[in-house]
Amino acid sequence: MGKTQIMIVEDESIVAKDIEMSLNKLGYSVCSLASSGEEAIRKAGEHRPDLVLMDIVLQGEMSGVEAAGQIRLQFDIPVIYLTAYADEKTLNLAKITEPFGYMLKPFEEKKTHTAIEMALYKHKREKSLKERSEWLKALLNSFGDTMIYTDKTKRI
């Protein structure tokens, strides 16, 4: 398995390049940069990164929160917000998209590394639980009208 592929969504190109250099130094591979929500969704579909680092305020009509929601819904890719905004309204909006992290700029490499690793682990576990749940649901649905009985010692 290769390096973790990360997409950076940041409308300030200097900041995006700085983040890219830091991620490369931490051992990650940046597969794509995007500066708008629309571009982020398109590139997420093309590149299928392992994770997206998303700014909340972006160029264009779509906010980072809207783009993150679409990326999670369409591609099941975890998102960590990397933003300068921590007001209550922004936090509440961001929560709706179920991000895997929320970091304030300026970011620190060590904290970013920790947040990325935790997000990737959480996403992997979430995916595994979803697959198990779907398998169990399919198994139970295949029983039809079968009934299962247990005795007093709970033996089937």
Foldseek 3Di string as FASTA:
>chain_A
DAAAEEEEAAQPVVLVVVVQVLCVVVPHHHPYYHFDLVVLLVVCVVPVGQEYEFEQPGPDDDGSLRSLLNSCVPRVHAYEYEYQDDDPVVVVSNVVSPHQYYHYPPDDSVVVVVSVVSSSVVSVVVVVVVVVVVVVVVVVVVCPPDDDDADPVRDD
